Amino acid sequence: MTFSPSKKMAVLLASAVLMIGSAAPVLAQSSGGASDSGAAAAPATPASATTKAQRKAARKQARAKKNAELKKLEANGYNPSRNDPNYPTDLQNAEKKAGAGQAASQ
């Protein structure tokens, strides 16, 4: 099977682009000369440190909310570790009980 010169050129060009594209991230990671090789990473800017702290606090708050909701469902009869064929019904009943208890307490 013979290929036309234009197909050979297209394959050669495509392979060159792929090789350069795969080498570019490796080259971008080297930041300079030998002077940076043993240096520690630059400290975070105050703005990024604040943002990171806010994200961490938001994750912590979301996790606490999720855990509180799970504990409320478990207190109303839901058992997540049990392999139960009535899973959706049990969960829905626990949600109804938790909702009824929450409405009564308000």
C-alpha atoms as a PDB file:
ATOM      1  CA  MET A   1       0.000   0.000   0.000  1.00  0.00           C
ATOM      2  CA  THR A   2       1.456   3.323  -1.025  1.00  0.00           C
ATOM      3  CA  PHE A   3       0.556   6.705   0.337  1.00  0.00           C
ATOM      4  CA  SER A   4       0.514   9.894  -1.613  1.00  0.00           C
ATOM      5  CA  PRO A   5       3.079  12.556  -0.675  1.00  0.00           C
ATOM      6  CA  SER A   6       0.329  14.793   0.729  1.00  0.00           C
ATOM      7  CA  LYS A   7      -0.825  12.031   3.117  1.00  0.00           C
ATOM      8  CA  LYS A   8       2.755  11.413   4.225  1.00  0.00           C
ATOM      9  CA  MET A   9       3.193  15.134   4.873  1.00  0.00           C
ATOM     10  CA  ALA A  10      -0.049  15.268   6.856  1.00  0.00           C
ATOM     11  CA  VAL A  11       1.011  12.324   9.038  1.00  0.00           C
ATOM     12  CA  LEU A  12       4.448  13.856   9.571  1.00  0.00           C
ATOM     13  CA  LEU A  13       2.943  17.206  10.499  1.00  0.00           C
ATOM     14  CA  ALA A  14       0.418  15.631  12.865  1.00  0.00           C
ATOM     15  CA  SER A  15       3.099  13.596  14.637  1.00  0.00           C
ATOM     16  CA  ALA A  16       5.300  16.686  14.993  1.00  0.00           C
ATOM     17  CA  VAL A  17       2.410  18.641  16.518  1.00  0.00           C
ATOM     18  CA  LEU A  18       1.688  15.820  18.958  1.00  0.00           C
ATOM     19  CA  MET A  19       5.347  15.586  20.009  1.00  0.00           C
ATOM     20  CA  ILE A  20       5.620  19.324  20.558  1.00  0.00           C
ATOM     21  CA  GLY A  21       2.270  19.438  22.356  1.00  0.00           C
ATOM     22  CA  SER A  22       3.266  16.677  24.748  1.00  0.00           C
ATOM     23  CA  ALA A  23       6.662  18.238  25.453  1.00  0.00           C
ATOM     24  CA  ALA A  24       5.300  21.722  26.146  1.00  0.00           C
ATOM     25  CA  PRO A  25       3.925  20.966  29.655  1.00  0.00           C
ATOM     26  CA  VAL A  26       7.226  19.367  30.660  1.00  0.00           C
ATOM     27  CA  LEU A  27       9.158  22.380  29.492  1.00  0.00           C
ATOM     28  CA  ALA A  28       6.727  24.764  31.179  1.00  0.00           C
ATOM     29  CA  GLN A  29       7.324  23.106  34.548  1.00  0.00           C
ATOM     30  CA  SER A  30      11.032  23.867  34.618  1.00  0.00           C
ATOM     31  CA  SER A  31      11.071  27.374  36.029  1.00  0.00           C
ATOM     32  CA  GLY A  32      14.611  28.430  35.512  1.00  0.00           C
ATOM     33  CA  GLY A  33      18.139  27.455  36.265  1.00  0.00           C
ATOM     34  CA  ALA A  34      19.918  25.426  38.898  1.00  0.00           C
ATOM     35  CA  SER A  35      19.443  28.183  41.497  1.00  0.00           C
ATOM     36  CA  ASP A  36      15.776  27.238  41.962  1.00  0.00           C
ATOM     37  CA  SER A  37      16.298  23.488  42.222  1.00  0.00           C
ATOM     38  CA  GLY A  38      16.517  23.313  46.030  1.00  0.00           C
ATOM     39  CA  ALA A  39      14.381  26.308  46.903  1.00  0.00           C
ATOM     40  CA  ALA A  40      11.023  25.911  48.617  1.00  0.00           C
ATOM     41  CA  ALA A  41       7.828  26.981  46.926  1.00  0.00           C
ATOM     42  CA  ALA A  42       6.957  30.654  47.112  1.00  0.00           C
ATOM     43  CA  PRO A  43       4.610  31.560  49.983  1.00  0.00           C
ATOM     44  CA  ALA A  44       0.969  32.022  49.083  1.00  0.00           C
ATOM     45  CA  THR A  45      -0.304  35.529  48.630  1.00  0.00           C
ATOM     46  CA  PRO A  46      -2.568  36.862  51.370  1.00  0.00           C
ATOM     47  CA  ALA A  47      -5.549  36.927  49.002  1.00  0.00           C
ATOM     48  CA  SER A  48      -5.143  33.270  48.038  1.00  0.00           C
ATOM     49  CA  ALA A  49      -4.590  32.286  51.670  1.00  0.00           C
ATOM     50  CA  THR A  50      -7.829  34.071  52.608  1.00  0.00           C
ATOM     51  CA  THR A  51      -9.688  32.371  49.766  1.00  0.00           C
ATOM     52  CA  LYS A  52      -8.290  28.998  50.793  1.00  0.00           C
ATOM     53  CA  ALA A  53      -9.386  29.573  54.395  1.00  0.00           C
ATOM     54  CA  GLN A  54     -12.874  30.551  53.245  1.00  0.00           C
ATOM     55  CA  ARG A  55     -13.179  27.417  51.101  1.00  0.00           C
ATOM     56  CA  LYS A  56     -11.968  25.274  53.990  1.00  0.00           C
ATOM     57  CA  ALA A  57     -14.526  26.846  56.338  1.00  0.00           C
ATOM     58  CA  ALA A  58     -17.294  26.352  53.764  1.00  0.00           C
ATOM     59  CA  ARG A  59     -16.365  22.668  53.339  1.00  0.00           C
ATOM     60  CA  LYS A  60     -16.283  22.207  57.101  1.00  0.00           C
ATOM     61  CA  GLN A  61     -19.711  23.836  57.468  1.00  0.00           C
ATOM     62  CA  ALA A  62     -21.190  21.730  54.645  1.00  0.00           C
ATOM     63  CA  ARG A  63     -19.772  18.551  56.180  1.00  0.00           C
ATOM     64  CA  ALA A  64     -21.238  19.458  59.587  1.00  0.00           C
ATOM     65  CA  LYS A  65     -24.642  20.131  57.995  1.00  0.00           C
ATOM     66  CA  LYS A  66     -24.560  16.808  56.114  1.00  0.00           C
ATOM     67  CA  ASN A  67     -23.550  14.889  59.240  1.00  0.00           C
ATOM     68  CA  ALA A  68     -26.305  16.575  61.281  1.00  0.00           C
ATOM     69  CA  GLU A  69     -28.883  15.660  58.644  1.00  0.00           C
ATOM     70  CA  LEU A  70     -27.671  12.048  58.594  1.00  0.00           C
ATOM     71  CA  LYS A  71     -27.833  11.824  62.394  1.00  0.00           C
ATOM     72  CA  LYS A  72     -31.382  13.213  62.319  1.00  0.00           C
ATOM     73  CA  LEU A  73     -32.409  10.581  59.750  1.00  0.00           C
ATOM     74  CA  GLU A  74     -30.738   7.814  61.757  1.00  0.00           C
ATOM     75  CA  ALA A  75     -32.588   8.962  64.882  1.00  0.00           C
ATOM     76  CA  ASN A  76     -35.849   8.649  62.933  1.00  0.00           C
ATOM     77  CA  GLY A  77     -35.263   5.049  61.816  1.00  0.00           C
ATOM     78  CA  TYR A  78     -32.948   5.198  58.798  1.00  0.00           C
ATOM     79  CA  ASN A  79     -30.037   2.733  58.916  1.00  0.00           C
ATOM     80  CA  PRO A  80     -27.613   3.338  56.007  1.00  0.00           C
ATOM     81  CA  SER A  81     -25.376   0.345  56.787  1.00  0.00           C
ATOM     82  CA  ARG A  82     -28.180  -2.188  56.470  1.00  0.00           C
ATOM     83  CA  ASN A  83     -28.642  -3.917  53.105  1.00  0.00           C
ATOM     84  CA  ASP A  84     -32.383  -3.456  52.922  1.00  0.00           C
ATOM     85  CA  PRO A  85     -34.668  -4.118  49.942  1.00  0.00           C
ATOM     86  CA  ASN A  86     -36.996  -1.435  51.347  1.00  0.00           C
ATOM     87  CA  TYR A  87     -34.257   1.209  51.165  1.00  0.00           C
ATOM     88  CA  PRO A  88     -36.177   4.010  49.437  1.00  0.00           C
ATOM     89  CA  THR A  89     -39.241   3.521  51.602  1.00  0.00           C
ATOM     90  CA  ASP A  90     -37.239   3.505  54.836  1.00  0.00           C
ATOM     91  CA  LEU A  91     -35.381   6.653  53.833  1.00  0.00           C
ATOM     92  CA  GLN A  92     -38.575   8.437  52.816  1.00  0.00           C
ATOM     93  CA  ASN A  93     -40.287   7.458  56.082  1.00  0.00           C
ATOM     94  CA  ALA A  94     -37.306   8.746  58.083  1.00  0.00           C
ATOM     95  CA  GLU A  95     -37.376  12.005  56.092  1.00  0.00           C
ATOM     96  CA  LYS A  96     -41.096  12.398  56.799  1.00  0.00           C
ATOM     97  CA  LYS A  97     -40.560  11.780  60.516  1.00  0.00           C
ATOM     98  CA  ALA A  98     -37.621  14.191  60.612  1.00  0.00           C
ATOM     99  CA  GLY A  99     -39.651  16.802  58.726  1.00  0.00           C
ATOM    100  CA  ALA A 100     -42.637  16.365  61.016  1.00  0.00           C
ATOM    101  CA  GLY A 101     -40.441  16.696  64.077  1.00  0.00           C
ATOM    102  CA  GLN A 102     -38.768  19.754  62.661  1.00  0.00           C
ATOM    103  CA  ALA A 103     -42.120  21.406  61.818  1.00  0.00           C
ATOM    104  CA  ALA A 104     -43.434  20.675  65.312  1.00  0.00           C
ATOM    105  CA  SER A 105     -40.358  22.223  66.934  1.00  0.00           C
ATOM    106  CA  GLN A 106     -40.658  25.488  64.991  1.00  0.00           C
END
